[in-house]
Structures are given as C-alpha cells and as structure tokens.
PDB file of all heavy atoms in Angstrom:
ATOM      1  N   GLY A   1     126.462 102.141  70.245  1.00  0.00           N
ATOM      2  CA  GLY A   1     127.910 102.127  70.205  1.00  0.00           C
ATOM      3  C   GLY A   1     128.541 103.104  69.233  1.00  0.00           C
ATOM      4  O   GLY A   1     128.058 103.307  68.113  1.00  0.00           O
ATOM      5  N   ILE A   2     129.651 103.720  69.661  1.00  0.00           N
ATOM      6  CA  ILE A   2     130.404 104.696  68.869  1.00  0.00           C
ATOM      7  C   ILE A   2     131.886 104.351  68.995  1.00  0.00           C
ATOM      8  O   ILE A   2     132.366 104.047  70.095  1.00  0.00           O
ATOM      9  CB  ILE A   2     130.173 106.126  69.384  1.00  0.00           C
ATOM     10  CG1 ILE A   2     128.671 106.471  69.400  1.00  0.00           C
ATOM     11  CG2 ILE A   2     130.950 107.144  68.547  1.00  0.00           C
ATOM     12  CD1 ILE A   2     128.345 107.698  70.235  1.00  0.00           C
ATOM     13  N   GLY A   3     132.612 104.394  67.889  1.00  0.00           N
ATOM     14  CA  GLY A   3     134.045 104.131  67.943  1.00  0.00           C
ATOM     15  C   GLY A   3     134.725 104.500  66.645  1.00  0.00           C
ATOM     16  O   GLY A   3     134.072 104.885  65.669  1.00  0.00           O
ATOM     17  N   TRP A   4     136.067 104.364  66.628  1.00  0.00           N
ATOM     18  CA  TRP A   4     136.870 104.741  65.463  1.00  0.00           C
ATOM     19  C   TRP A   4     137.910 103.673  65.176  1.00  0.00           C
ATOM     20  O   TRP A   4     138.370 102.966  66.088  1.00  0.00           O
ATOM     21  CB  TRP A   4     137.583 106.081  65.720  1.00  0.00           C
ATOM     22  CG  TRP A   4     136.662 107.246  65.770  1.00  0.00           C
ATOM     23  CD1 TRP A   4     136.320 108.077  64.732  1.00  0.00           C
ATOM     24  CD2 TRP A   4     135.944 107.721  66.910  1.00  0.00           C
ATOM     25  NE1 TRP A   4     135.436 109.029  65.165  1.00  0.00           N
ATOM     26  CE2 TRP A   4     135.178 108.832  66.505  1.00  0.00           C
ATOM     27  CE3 TRP A   4     135.858 107.304  68.240  1.00  0.00           C
ATOM     28  CZ2 TRP A   4     134.347 109.537  67.364  1.00  0.00           C
ATOM     29  CZ3 TRP A   4     135.023 107.990  69.117  1.00  0.00           C
ATOM     30  CH2 TRP A   4     134.288 109.095  68.675  1.00  0.00           C
ATOM     31  N   SER A   5     138.305 103.604  63.933  1.00  0.00           N
ATOM     32  CA  SER A   5     139.414 102.747  63.546  1.00  0.00           C
ATOM     33  C   SER A   5     140.705 103.288  64.159  1.00  0.00           C
ATOM     34  O   SER A   5     140.766 104.443  64.597  1.00  0.00           O
ATOM     35  CB  SER A   5     139.536 102.708  62.025  1.00  0.00           C
ATOM     36  OG  SER A   5     139.782 104.011  61.511  1.00  0.00           O
ATOM     37  N   PRO A   6     141.759 102.475  64.224  1.00  0.00           N
ATOM     38  CA  PRO A   6     143.006 102.957  64.839  1.00  0.00           C
ATOM     39  C   PRO A   6     143.550 104.242  64.211  1.00  0.00           C
ATOM     40  O   PRO A   6     144.133 105.069  64.933  1.00  0.00           O
ATOM     41  CB  PRO A   6     143.968 101.783  64.644  1.00  0.00           C
ATOM     42  CG  PRO A   6     143.077 100.581  64.624  1.00  0.00           C
ATOM     43  CD  PRO A   6     141.834 101.030  63.913  1.00  0.00           C
ATOM     44  N   ASP A   7     143.372 104.420  62.909  1.00  0.00           N
ATOM     45  CA  ASP A   7     143.858 105.654  62.274  1.00  0.00           C
ATOM     46  C   ASP A   7     142.814 106.767  62.272  1.00  0.00           C
ATOM     47  O   ASP A   7     143.076 107.857  61.755  1.00  0.00           O
ATOM     48  CB  ASP A   7     144.343 105.381  60.846  1.00  0.00           C
ATOM     49  CG  ASP A   7     143.230 104.869  59.931  1.00  0.00           C
ATOM     50  OD1 ASP A   7     142.051 104.833  60.348  1.00  0.00           O
ATOM     51  OD2 ASP A   7     143.548 104.485  58.777  1.00  0.00           O
ATOM     52  N   GLU A   8     141.650 106.506  62.841  1.00  0.00           N
ATOM     53  CA  GLU A   8     140.526 107.457  62.942  1.00  0.00           C
ATOM     54  C   GLU A   8     140.048 107.967  61.585  1.00  0.00           C
ATOM     55  O   GLU A   8     139.436 109.035  61.504  1.00  0.00           O
ATOM     56  CB  GLU A   8     140.878 108.606  63.879  1.00  0.00           C
ATOM     57  CG  GLU A   8     140.929 108.181  65.332  1.00  0.00           C
ATOM     58  CD  GLU A   8     141.143 109.326  66.286  1.00  0.00           C
ATOM     59  OE1 GLU A   8     142.323 109.702  66.488  1.00  0.00           O
ATOM     60  OE2 GLU A   8     140.158 109.848  66.815  1.00  0.00           O
ATOM     61  N   ARG A   9     140.270 107.189  60.568  1.00  0.00           N
ATOM     62  CA  ARG A   9     139.721 107.547  59.258  1.00  0.00           C
ATOM     63  C   ARG A   9     138.346 106.932  59.037  1.00  0.00           C
ATOM     64  O   ARG A   9     137.671 107.252  58.075  1.00  0.00           O
ATOM     65  CB  ARG A   9     140.688 107.115  58.150  1.00  0.00           C
ATOM     66  CG  ARG A   9     142.037 107.837  58.223  1.00  0.00           C
ATOM     67  CD  ARG A   9     142.996 107.373  57.155  1.00  0.00           C
ATOM     68  NE  ARG A   9     142.513 107.653  55.818  1.00  0.00           N
ATOM     69  CZ  ARG A   9     143.172 107.315  54.704  1.00  0.00           C
ATOM     70  NH1 ARG A   9     144.333 106.670  54.793  1.00  0.00           N
ATOM     71  NH2 ARG A   9     142.672 107.611  53.520  1.00  0.00           N
ATOM     72  N   THR A  10     137.947 106.052  59.945  1.00  0.00           N
ATOM     73  CA  THR A  10     136.625 105.440  59.888  1.00  0.00           C
ATOM     74  C   THR A  10     135.965 105.559  61.245  1.00  0.00           C
ATOM     75  O   THR A  10     136.583 105.293  62.277  1.00  0.00           O
ATOM     76  CB  THR A  10     136.715 103.954  59.495  1.00  0.00           C
ATOM     77  OG1 THR A  10     137.389 103.830  58.245  1.00  0.00           O
ATOM     78  CG2 THR A  10     135.319 103.345  59.379  1.00  0.00           C
ATOM     79  N   MET A  11     134.710 105.983  61.242  1.00  0.00           N
ATOM     80  CA  MET A  11     133.914 106.067  62.463  1.00  0.00           C
ATOM     81  C   MET A  11     132.821 105.010  62.397  1.00  0.00           C
ATOM     82  O   MET A  11     132.246 104.761  61.322  1.00  0.00           O
ATOM     83  CB  MET A  11     133.286 107.459  62.590  1.00  0.00           C
ATOM     84  CG  MET A  11     132.405 107.653  63.812  1.00  0.00           C
ATOM     85  SD  MET A  11     131.794 109.367  63.903  1.00  0.00           S
ATOM     86  CE  MET A  11     130.745 109.242  65.352  1.00  0.00           C
ATOM     87  N   TYR A  12     132.540 104.385  63.535  1.00  0.00           N
ATOM     88  CA  TYR A  12     131.495 103.369  63.623  1.00  0.00           C
ATOM     89  C   TYR A  12     130.380 103.854  64.543  1.00  0.00           C
ATOM     90  O   TYR A  12     130.626 104.547  65.540  1.00  0.00           O
ATOM     91  CB  TYR A  12     132.071 102.059  64.157  1.00  0.00           C
ATOM     92  CG  TYR A  12     133.162 101.491  63.283  1.00  0.00           C
ATOM     93  CD1 TYR A  12     134.511 101.600  63.664  1.00  0.00           C
ATOM     94  CD2 TYR A  12     132.865 100.881  62.068  1.00  0.00           C
ATOM     95  CE1 TYR A  12     135.513 101.099  62.857  1.00  0.00           C
ATOM     96  CE2 TYR A  12     133.874 100.384  61.254  1.00  0.00           C
ATOM     97  CZ  TYR A  12     135.189 100.497  61.650  1.00  0.00           C
ATOM     98  OH  TYR A  12     136.190 100.004  60.845  1.00  0.00           O
ATOM     99  N   PHE A  13     129.158 103.478  64.207  1.00  0.00           N
ATOM    100  CA  PHE A  13     127.995 103.907  64.984  1.00  0.00           C
ATOM    101  C   PHE A  13     126.899 102.862  64.853  1.00  0.00           C
ATOM    102  O   PHE A  13     126.637 102.356  63.751  1.00  0.00           O
ATOM    103  CB  PHE A  13     127.487 105.262  64.489  1.00  0.00           C
ATOM    104  CG  PHE A  13     126.145 105.659  65.037  1.00  0.00           C
ATOM    105  CD1 PHE A  13     125.996 105.951  66.385  1.00  0.00           C
ATOM    106  CD2 PHE A  13     125.038 105.730  64.218  1.00  0.00           C
ATOM    107  CE1 PHE A  13     124.753 106.301  66.893  1.00  0.00           C
ATOM    108  CE2 PHE A  13     123.793 106.087  64.713  1.00  0.00           C
ATOM    109  CZ  PHE A  13     123.650 106.385  66.060  1.00  0.00           C
ATOM    110  N   VAL A  14     126.249 102.553  65.972  1.00  0.00           N
ATOM    111  CA  VAL A  14     125.181 101.559  66.003  1.00  0.00           C
ATOM    112  C   VAL A  14     123.835 102.251  66.203  1.00  0.00           C
ATOM    113  O   VAL A  14     123.682 103.074  67.116  1.00  0.00           O
ATOM    114  CB  VAL A  14     125.404 100.544  67.142  1.00  0.00           C
ATOM    115  CG1 VAL A  14     124.175  99.658  67.318  1.00  0.00           C
ATOM    116  CG2 VAL A  14     126.632  99.691  66.870  1.00  0.00           C
ATOM    117  N   ASP A  15     122.867 101.919  65.347  1.00  0.00           N
ATOM    118  CA  ASP A  15     121.467 102.227  65.613  1.00  0.00           C
ATOM    119  C   ASP A  15     120.799 100.874  65.835  1.00  0.00           C
ATOM    120  O   ASP A  15     120.572 100.109  64.894  1.00  0.00           O
ATOM    121  CB  ASP A  15     120.827 102.980  64.448  1.00  0.00           C
ATOM    122  CG  ASP A  15     119.470 103.570  64.815  1.00  0.00           C
ATOM    123  OD1 ASP A  15     118.914 103.189  65.862  1.00  0.00           O
ATOM    124  OD2 ASP A  15     118.937 104.395  64.044  1.00  0.00           O
ATOM    125  N   SER A  16     120.517 100.559  67.096  1.00  0.00           N
ATOM    126  CA  SER A  16     120.173  99.187  67.454  1.00  0.00           C
ATOM    127  C   SER A  16     118.913  98.674  66.784  1.00  0.00           C
ATOM    128  O   SER A  16     118.864  97.539  66.304  1.00  0.00           O
ATOM    129  CB  SER A  16     120.024  99.074  68.977  1.00  0.00           C
ATOM    130  OG  SER A  16     121.255  99.293  69.615  1.00  0.00           O
ATOM    131  N   THR A  17     117.865  99.488  66.771  1.00  0.00           N
ATOM    132  CA  THR A  17     116.612  98.993  66.205  1.00  0.00           C
ATOM    133  C   THR A  17     116.689  98.841  64.689  1.00  0.00           C
ATOM    134  O   THR A  17     115.862  98.145  64.101  1.00  0.00           O
ATOM    135  CB  THR A  17     115.444  99.911  66.578  1.00  0.00           C
ATOM    136  OG1 THR A  17     115.753 101.261  66.226  1.00  0.00           O
ATOM    137  CG2 THR A  17     115.159  99.833  68.072  1.00  0.00           C
ATOM    138  N   ALA A  18     117.681  99.449  64.067  1.00  0.00           N
ATOM    139  CA  ALA A  18     117.923  99.212  62.636  1.00  0.00           C
ATOM    140  C   ALA A  18     118.742  97.948  62.418  1.00  0.00           C
ATOM    141  O   ALA A  18     119.009  97.571  61.268  1.00  0.00           O
ATOM    142  CB  ALA A  18     118.644 100.406  62.017  1.00  0.00           C
ATOM    143  N   LEU A  19     119.158  97.308  63.525  1.00  0.00           N
ATOM    144  CA  LEU A  19     119.928  96.059  63.480  1.00  0.00           C
ATOM    145  C   LEU A  19     121.241  96.233  62.720  1.00  0.00           C
ATOM    146  O   LEU A  19     121.748  95.290  62.114  1.00  0.00           O
ATOM    147  CB  LEU A  19     119.103  94.934  62.841  1.00  0.00           C
ATOM    148  CG  LEU A  19     117.757  94.627  63.499  1.00  0.00           C
ATOM    149  CD1 LEU A  19     116.986  93.620  62.658  1.00  0.00           C
ATOM    150  CD2 LEU A  19     117.951  94.110  64.916  1.00  0.00           C
ATOM    151  N   THR A  20     121.807  97.444  62.777  1.00  0.00           N
ATOM    152  CA  THR A  20     122.910  97.790  61.889  1.00  0.00           C
ATOM    153  C   THR A  20     124.053  98.475  62.618  1.00  0.00           C
ATOM    154  O   THR A  20     123.842  99.351  63.461  1.00  0.00           O
ATOM    155  CB  THR A  20     122.409  98.717  60.766  1.00  0.00           C
ATOM    156  OG1 THR A  20     121.337  98.076  60.066  1.00  0.00           O
ATOM    157  CG2 THR A  20     123.513  99.035  59.779  1.00  0.00           C
ATOM    158  N   VAL A  21     125.261  98.060  62.278  1.00  0.00           N
ATOM    159  CA  VAL A  21     126.478  98.783  62.627  1.00  0.00           C
ATOM    160  C   VAL A  21     126.887  99.553  61.375  1.00  0.00           C
ATOM    161  O   VAL A  21     127.163  98.955  60.329  1.00  0.00           O
ATOM    162  CB  VAL A  21     127.606  97.842  63.053  1.00  0.00           C
ATOM    163  CG1 VAL A  21     128.838  98.647  63.478  1.00  0.00           C
ATOM    164  CG2 VAL A  21     127.152  96.906  64.169  1.00  0.00           C
ATOM    165  N   PHE A  22     126.897 100.874  61.471  1.00  0.00           N
ATOM    166  CA  PHE A  22     127.252 101.721  60.339  1.00  0.00           C
ATOM    167  C   PHE A  22     128.733 102.110  60.401  1.00  0.00           C
ATOM    168  O   PHE A  22     129.322 102.212  61.477  1.00  0.00           O
ATOM    169  CB  PHE A  22     126.418 103.007  60.334  1.00  0.00           C
ATOM    170  CG  PHE A  22     124.950 102.795  60.068  1.00  0.00           C
ATOM    171  CD1 PHE A  22     124.041 102.820  61.100  1.00  0.00           C
ATOM    172  CD2 PHE A  22     124.491 102.560  58.780  1.00  0.00           C
ATOM    173  CE1 PHE A  22     122.689 102.630  60.870  1.00  0.00           C
ATOM    174  CE2 PHE A  22     123.144 102.364  58.534  1.00  0.00           C
ATOM    175  CZ  PHE A  22     122.229 102.397  59.584  1.00  0.00           C
ATOM    176  N   ALA A  23     129.293 102.357  59.240  1.00  0.00           N
ATOM    177  CA  ALA A  23     130.642 102.908  59.129  1.00  0.00           C
ATOM    178  C   ALA A  23     130.577 104.203  58.333  1.00  0.00           C
ATOM    179  O   ALA A  23     129.743 104.343  57.422  1.00  0.00           O
ATOM    180  CB  ALA A  23     131.581 101.916  58.452  1.00  0.00           C
ATOM    181  N   PHE A  24     131.434 105.159  58.667  1.00  0.00           N
ATOM    182  CA  PHE A  24     131.525 106.444  57.982  1.00  0.00           C
ATOM    183  C   PHE A  24     132.992 106.740  57.688  1.00  0.00           C
ATOM    184  O   PHE A  24     133.880 106.343  58.452  1.00  0.00           O
ATOM    185  CB  PHE A  24     131.007 107.585  58.867  1.00  0.00           C
ATOM    186  CG  PHE A  24     129.578 107.489  59.300  1.00  0.00           C
ATOM    187  CD1 PHE A  24     129.210 106.670  60.360  1.00  0.00           C
ATOM    188  CD2 PHE A  24     128.594 108.242  58.676  1.00  0.00           C
ATOM    189  CE1 PHE A  24     127.898 106.590  60.792  1.00  0.00           C
ATOM    190  CE2 PHE A  24     127.278 108.178  59.094  1.00  0.00           C
ATOM    191  CZ  PHE A  24     126.923 107.343  60.152  1.00  0.00           C
ATOM    192  N   ASP A  25     133.252 107.478  56.632  1.00  0.00           N
ATOM    193  CA  ASP A  25     134.553 108.110  56.479  1.00  0.00           C
ATOM    194  C   ASP A  25     134.613 109.254  57.487  1.00  0.00           C
ATOM    195  O   ASP A  25     133.637 109.997  57.649  1.00  0.00           O
ATOM    196  CB  ASP A  25     134.732 108.654  55.062  1.00  0.00           C
ATOM    197  CG  ASP A  25     134.681 107.550  54.015  1.00  0.00           C
ATOM    198  OD1 ASP A  25     135.225 106.466  54.262  1.00  0.00           O
ATOM    199  OD2 ASP A  25     134.060 107.777  52.958  1.00  0.00           O
ATOM    200  N   TYR A  26     135.746 109.403  58.170  1.00  0.00           N
ATOM    201  CA  TYR A  26     135.824 110.389  59.241  1.00  0.00           C
ATOM    202  C   TYR A  26     136.976 111.352  59.014  1.00  0.00           C
ATOM    203  O   TYR A  26     138.120 110.943  58.787  1.00  0.00           O
ATOM    204  CB  TYR A  26     136.017 109.697  60.597  1.00  0.00           C
ATOM    205  CG  TYR A  26     135.855 110.626  61.778  1.00  0.00           C
ATOM    206  CD1 TYR A  26     134.632 111.226  62.041  1.00  0.00           C
ATOM    207  CD2 TYR A  26     136.929 110.918  62.628  1.00  0.00           C
ATOM    208  CE1 TYR A  26     134.468 112.086  63.123  1.00  0.00           C
ATOM    209  CE2 TYR A  26     136.773 111.768  63.714  1.00  0.00           C
ATOM    210  CZ  TYR A  26     135.534 112.350  63.961  1.00  0.00           C
ATOM    211  OH  TYR A  26     135.377 113.203  65.020  1.00  0.00           O
ATOM    212  N   ASP A  27     136.661 112.657  59.059  1.00  0.00           N
ATOM    213  CA  ASP A  27     137.656 113.713  58.949  1.00  0.00           C
ATOM    214  C   ASP A  27     137.969 114.193  60.360  1.00  0.00           C
ATOM    215  O   ASP A  27     137.189 114.935  60.965  1.00  0.00           O
ATOM    216  CB  ASP A  27     137.109 114.865  58.100  1.00  0.00           C
ATOM    217  CG  ASP A  27     138.139 115.956  57.853  1.00  0.00           C
ATOM    218  OD1 ASP A  27     139.138 116.032  58.603  1.00  0.00           O
ATOM    219  OD2 ASP A  27     137.952 116.742  56.911  1.00  0.00           O
ATOM    220  N   LEU A  28     139.094 113.763  60.903  1.00  0.00           N
ATOM    221  CA  LEU A  28     139.439 114.103  62.277  1.00  0.00           C
ATOM    222  C   LEU A  28     139.661 115.602  62.460  1.00  0.00           C
ATOM    223  O   LEU A  28     139.375 116.152  63.521  1.00  0.00           O
ATOM    224  CB  LEU A  28     140.693 113.331  62.697  1.00  0.00           C
ATOM    225  CG  LEU A  28     141.194 113.575  64.117  1.00  0.00           C
ATOM    226  CD1 LEU A  28     140.156 113.163  65.153  1.00  0.00           C
ATOM    227  CD2 LEU A  28     142.514 112.844  64.363  1.00  0.00           C
ATOM    228  N   SER A  29     140.127 116.275  61.410  1.00  0.00           N
ATOM    229  CA  SER A  29     140.429 117.701  61.544  1.00  0.00           C
ATOM    230  C   SER A  29     139.168 118.527  61.777  1.00  0.00           C
ATOM    231  O   SER A  29     139.217 119.564  62.444  1.00  0.00           O
ATOM    232  CB  SER A  29     141.167 118.214  60.302  1.00  0.00           C
ATOM    233  OG  SER A  29     140.335 118.137  59.153  1.00  0.00           O
ATOM    234  N   THR A  30     138.042 118.081  61.252  1.00  0.00           N
ATOM    235  CA  THR A  30     136.787 118.824  61.405  1.00  0.00           C
ATOM    236  C   THR A  30     135.758 118.088  62.254  1.00  0.00           C
ATOM    237  O   THR A  30     134.727 118.659  62.612  1.00  0.00           O
ATOM    238  CB  THR A  30     136.170 119.115  60.032  1.00  0.00           C
ATOM    239  OG1 THR A  30     135.857 117.869  59.374  1.00  0.00           O
ATOM    240  CG2 THR A  30     137.121 119.914  59.165  1.00  0.00           C
ATOM    241  N   GLY A  31     135.995 116.824  62.531  1.00  0.00           N
ATOM    242  CA  GLY A  31     135.014 116.038  63.250  1.00  0.00           C
ATOM    243  C   GLY A  31     133.779 115.751  62.427  1.00  0.00           C
ATOM    244  O   GLY A  31     132.656 115.764  62.948  1.00  0.00           O
ATOM    245  N   THR A  32     133.983 115.445  61.142  1.00  0.00           N
ATOM    246  CA  THR A  32     132.861 115.263  60.231  1.00  0.00           C
ATOM    247  C   THR A  32     132.824 113.847  59.676  1.00  0.00           C
ATOM    248  O   THR A  32     133.771 113.408  59.012  1.00  0.00           O
ATOM    249  CB  THR A  32     132.951 116.250  59.052  1.00  0.00           C
ATOM    250  OG1 THR A  32     133.037 117.590  59.564  1.00  0.00           O
ATOM    251  CG2 THR A  32     131.739 116.123  58.140  1.00  0.00           C
ATOM    252  N   PRO A  33     131.725 113.100  59.918  1.00  0.00           N
ATOM    253  CA  PRO A  33     131.553 111.794  59.289  1.00  0.00           C
ATOM    254  C   PRO A  33     130.761 111.929  57.983  1.00  0.00           C
ATOM    255  O   PRO A  33     129.782 112.684  57.914  1.00  0.00           O
ATOM    256  CB  PRO A  33     130.756 111.006  60.336  1.00  0.00           C
ATOM    257  CG  PRO A  33     129.980 112.049  61.079  1.00  0.00           C
ATOM    258  CD  PRO A  33     130.739 113.350  60.972  1.00  0.00           C
ATOM    259  N   THR A  34     131.176 111.225  56.959  1.00  0.00           N
ATOM    260  CA  THR A  34     130.492 111.248  55.666  1.00  0.00           C
ATOM    261  C   THR A  34     130.465 109.822  55.104  1.00  0.00           C
ATOM    262  O   THR A  34     131.149 108.929  55.595  1.00  0.00           O
ATOM    263  CB  THR A  34     131.200 112.171  54.663  1.00  0.00           C
ATOM    264  OG1 THR A  34     132.569 111.754  54.521  1.00  0.00           O
ATOM    265  CG2 THR A  34     131.146 113.619  55.111  1.00  0.00           C
ATOM    266  N   GLY A  35     129.680 109.648  54.037  1.00  0.00           N
ATOM    267  CA  GLY A  35     129.700 108.373  53.317  1.00  0.00           C
ATOM    268  C   GLY A  35     129.199 107.207  54.143  1.00  0.00           C
ATOM    269  O   GLY A  35     129.852 106.165  54.195  1.00  0.00           O
ATOM    270  N   ARG A  36     128.032 107.379  54.775  1.00  0.00           N
ATOM    271  CA  ARG A  36     127.514 106.294  55.623  1.00  0.00           C
ATOM    272  C   ARG A  36     127.290 105.021  54.810  1.00  0.00           C
ATOM    273  O   ARG A  36     126.776 105.062  53.704  1.00  0.00           O
ATOM    274  CB  ARG A  36     126.204 106.715  56.277  1.00  0.00           C
ATOM    275  CG  ARG A  36     125.611 105.623  57.162  1.00  0.00           C
ATOM    276  CD  ARG A  36     124.513 106.119  58.061  1.00  0.00           C
ATOM    277  NE  ARG A  36     123.345 106.583  57.339  1.00  0.00           N
ATOM    278  CZ  ARG A  36     122.187 106.904  57.931  1.00  0.00           C
ATOM    279  NH1 ARG A  36     122.065 106.802  59.251  1.00  0.00           N
ATOM    280  NH2 ARG A  36     121.168 107.333  57.220  1.00  0.00           N
ATOM    281  N   ARG A  37     127.668 103.894  55.394  1.00  0.00           N
ATOM    282  CA  ARG A  37     127.503 102.597  54.760  1.00  0.00           C
ATOM    283  C   ARG A  37     127.314 101.549  55.857  1.00  0.00           C
ATOM    284  O   ARG A  37     127.527 101.822  57.042  1.00  0.00           O
ATOM    285  CB  ARG A  37     128.727 102.258  53.915  1.00  0.00           C
ATOM    286  CG  ARG A  37     130.042 102.291  54.690  1.00  0.00           C
ATOM    287  CD  ARG A  37     131.246 102.324  53.770  1.00  0.00           C
ATOM    288  NE  ARG A  37     132.511 102.361  54.497  1.00  0.00           N
ATOM    289  CZ  ARG A  37     133.086 103.495  54.919  1.00  0.00           C
ATOM    290  NH1 ARG A  37     132.500 104.669  54.710  1.00  0.00           N
ATOM    291  NH2 ARG A  37     134.254 103.443  55.540  1.00  0.00           N
ATOM    292  N   VAL A  38     126.913 100.377  55.483  1.00  0.00           N
ATOM    293  CA  VAL A  38     126.663  99.299  56.432  1.00  0.00           C
ATOM    294  C   VAL A  38     127.941  98.488  56.627  1.00  0.00           C
ATOM    295  O   VAL A  38     128.523  97.997  55.658  1.00  0.00           O
ATOM    296  CB  VAL A  38     125.534  98.382  55.930  1.00  0.00           C
ATOM    297  CG1 VAL A  38     125.403  97.153  56.814  1.00  0.00           C
ATOM    298  CG2 VAL A  38     124.216  99.145  55.877  1.00  0.00           C
ATOM    299  N   LEU A  39     128.368  98.363  57.882  1.00  0.00           N
ATOM    300  CA  LEU A  39     129.450  97.437  58.196  1.00  0.00           C
ATOM    301  C   LEU A  39     128.892  96.043  58.443  1.00  0.00           C
ATOM    302  O   LEU A  39     129.395  95.060  57.900  1.00  0.00           O
ATOM    303  CB  LEU A  39     130.222  97.900  59.435  1.00  0.00           C
ATOM    304  CG  LEU A  39     131.325  96.923  59.874  1.00  0.00           C
ATOM    305  CD1 LEU A  39     132.538  97.060  58.965  1.00  0.00           C
ATOM    306  CD2 LEU A  39     131.713  97.125  61.331  1.00  0.00           C
ATOM    307  N   ALA A  40     127.831  95.972  59.261  1.00  0.00           N
ATOM    308  CA  ALA A  40     127.240  94.672  59.587  1.00  0.00           C
ATOM    309  C   ALA A  40     125.760  94.863  59.877  1.00  0.00           C
ATOM    310  O   ALA A  40     125.370  95.818  60.552  1.00  0.00           O
ATOM    311  CB  ALA A  40     127.937  94.051  60.791  1.00  0.00           C
ATOM    312  N   ARG A  41     124.968  93.953  59.390  1.00  0.00           N
ATOM    313  CA  ARG A  41     123.531  93.942  59.686  1.00  0.00           C
ATOM    314  C   ARG A  41     123.145  92.520  60.045  1.00  0.00           C
ATOM    315  O   ARG A  41     123.564  91.573  59.374  1.00  0.00           O
ATOM    316  CB  ARG A  41     122.720  94.449  58.499  1.00  0.00           C
ATOM    317  CG  ARG A  41     121.213  94.469  58.738  1.00  0.00           C
ATOM    318  CD  ARG A  41     120.472  95.109  57.571  1.00  0.00           C
ATOM    319  NE  ARG A  41     120.617  96.562  57.590  1.00  0.00           N
ATOM    320  CZ  ARG A  41     120.851  97.302  56.513  1.00  0.00           C
ATOM    321  NH1 ARG A  41     121.019  96.731  55.330  1.00  0.00           N
ATOM    322  NH2 ARG A  41     120.949  98.624  56.627  1.00  0.00           N
ATOM    323  N   THR A  42     122.351  92.362  61.104  1.00  0.00           N
ATOM    324  CA  THR A  42     121.972  91.034  61.573  1.00  0.00           C
ATOM    325  C   THR A  42     120.457  90.892  61.589  1.00  0.00           C
ATOM    326  O   THR A  42     119.722  91.887  61.668  1.00  0.00           O
ATOM    327  CB  THR A  42     122.498  90.787  62.998  1.00  0.00           C
ATOM    328  OG1 THR A  42     122.072  91.862  63.846  1.00  0.00           O
ATOM    329  CG2 THR A  42     124.001  90.697  63.027  1.00  0.00           C
ATOM    330  N   ALA A  43     119.991  89.680  61.527  1.00  0.00           N
ATOM    331  CA  ALA A  43     118.573  89.400  61.671  1.00  0.00           C
ATOM    332  C   ALA A  43     118.185  89.517  63.137  1.00  0.00           C
ATOM    333  O   ALA A  43     118.967  89.192  64.032  1.00  0.00           O
ATOM    334  CB  ALA A  43     118.253  88.005  61.138  1.00  0.00           C
ATOM    335  N   GLU A  44     116.978  89.983  63.418  1.00  0.00           N
ATOM    336  CA  GLU A  44     116.551  90.237  64.788  1.00  0.00           C
ATOM    337  C   GLU A  44     116.670  89.026  65.706  1.00  0.00           C
ATOM    338  O   GLU A  44     117.026  89.181  66.884  1.00  0.00           O
ATOM    339  CB  GLU A  44     115.126  90.782  64.810  1.00  0.00           C
ATOM    340  CG  GLU A  44     114.698  91.280  66.172  1.00  0.00           C
ATOM    341  CD  GLU A  44     113.428  92.105  66.127  1.00  0.00           C
ATOM    342  OE1 GLU A  44     112.919  92.365  65.021  1.00  0.00           O
ATOM    343  OE2 GLU A  44     112.954  92.495  67.205  1.00  0.00           O
ATOM    344  N   PRO A  45     116.401  87.805  65.255  1.00  0.00           N
ATOM    345  CA  PRO A  45     116.566  86.662  66.170  1.00  0.00           C
ATOM    346  C   PRO A  45     117.988  86.490  66.701  1.00  0.00           C
ATOM    347  O   PRO A  45     118.195  85.813  67.713  1.00  0.00           O
ATOM    348  CB  PRO A  45     116.154  85.461  65.304  1.00  0.00           C
ATOM    349  CG  PRO A  45     115.234  86.031  64.287  1.00  0.00           C
ATOM    350  CD  PRO A  45     115.781  87.390  63.986  1.00  0.00           C
ATOM    351  N   LEU A  46     118.970  87.101  66.043  1.00  0.00           N
ATOM    352  CA  LEU A  46     120.356  87.012  66.497  1.00  0.00           C
ATOM    353  C   LEU A  46     120.702  88.085  67.521  1.00  0.00           C
ATOM    354  O   LEU A  46     121.827  88.139  68.015  1.00  0.00           O
ATOM    355  CB  LEU A  46     121.309  87.112  65.308  1.00  0.00           C
ATOM    356  CG  LEU A  46     121.193  85.995  64.265  1.00  0.00           C
ATOM    357  CD1 LEU A  46     122.142  86.248  63.105  1.00  0.00           C
ATOM    358  CD2 LEU A  46     121.465  84.631  64.896  1.00  0.00           C
TER     359      LEU A  46
END
C-alpha cells in the first residue's frame, strides 16, 4: 500500500513481510520522502 495525508506532507508505505506501515515526511515539490518511521506494526498472527 501507498498513500498520502490530505496535505501530502506525509507519505505512507507498506512492506507487508516487515509487518509494518511506514510513514515518511514528503516533499511534494520534488517527490522526495525522508525521515522514515513506523506508523503501525502488528504481530504476524494478526
């Protein structure tokens, strides 16, 4: 999954096998995501 916050200052990206939804700071003018961090991480049984 890939998406953006309503103001497009945050980009979201899923790497499924890492069980993680990542968030990035997003520069719309250049299309550059930086500052990767975890938005949500779940245990595999979930």
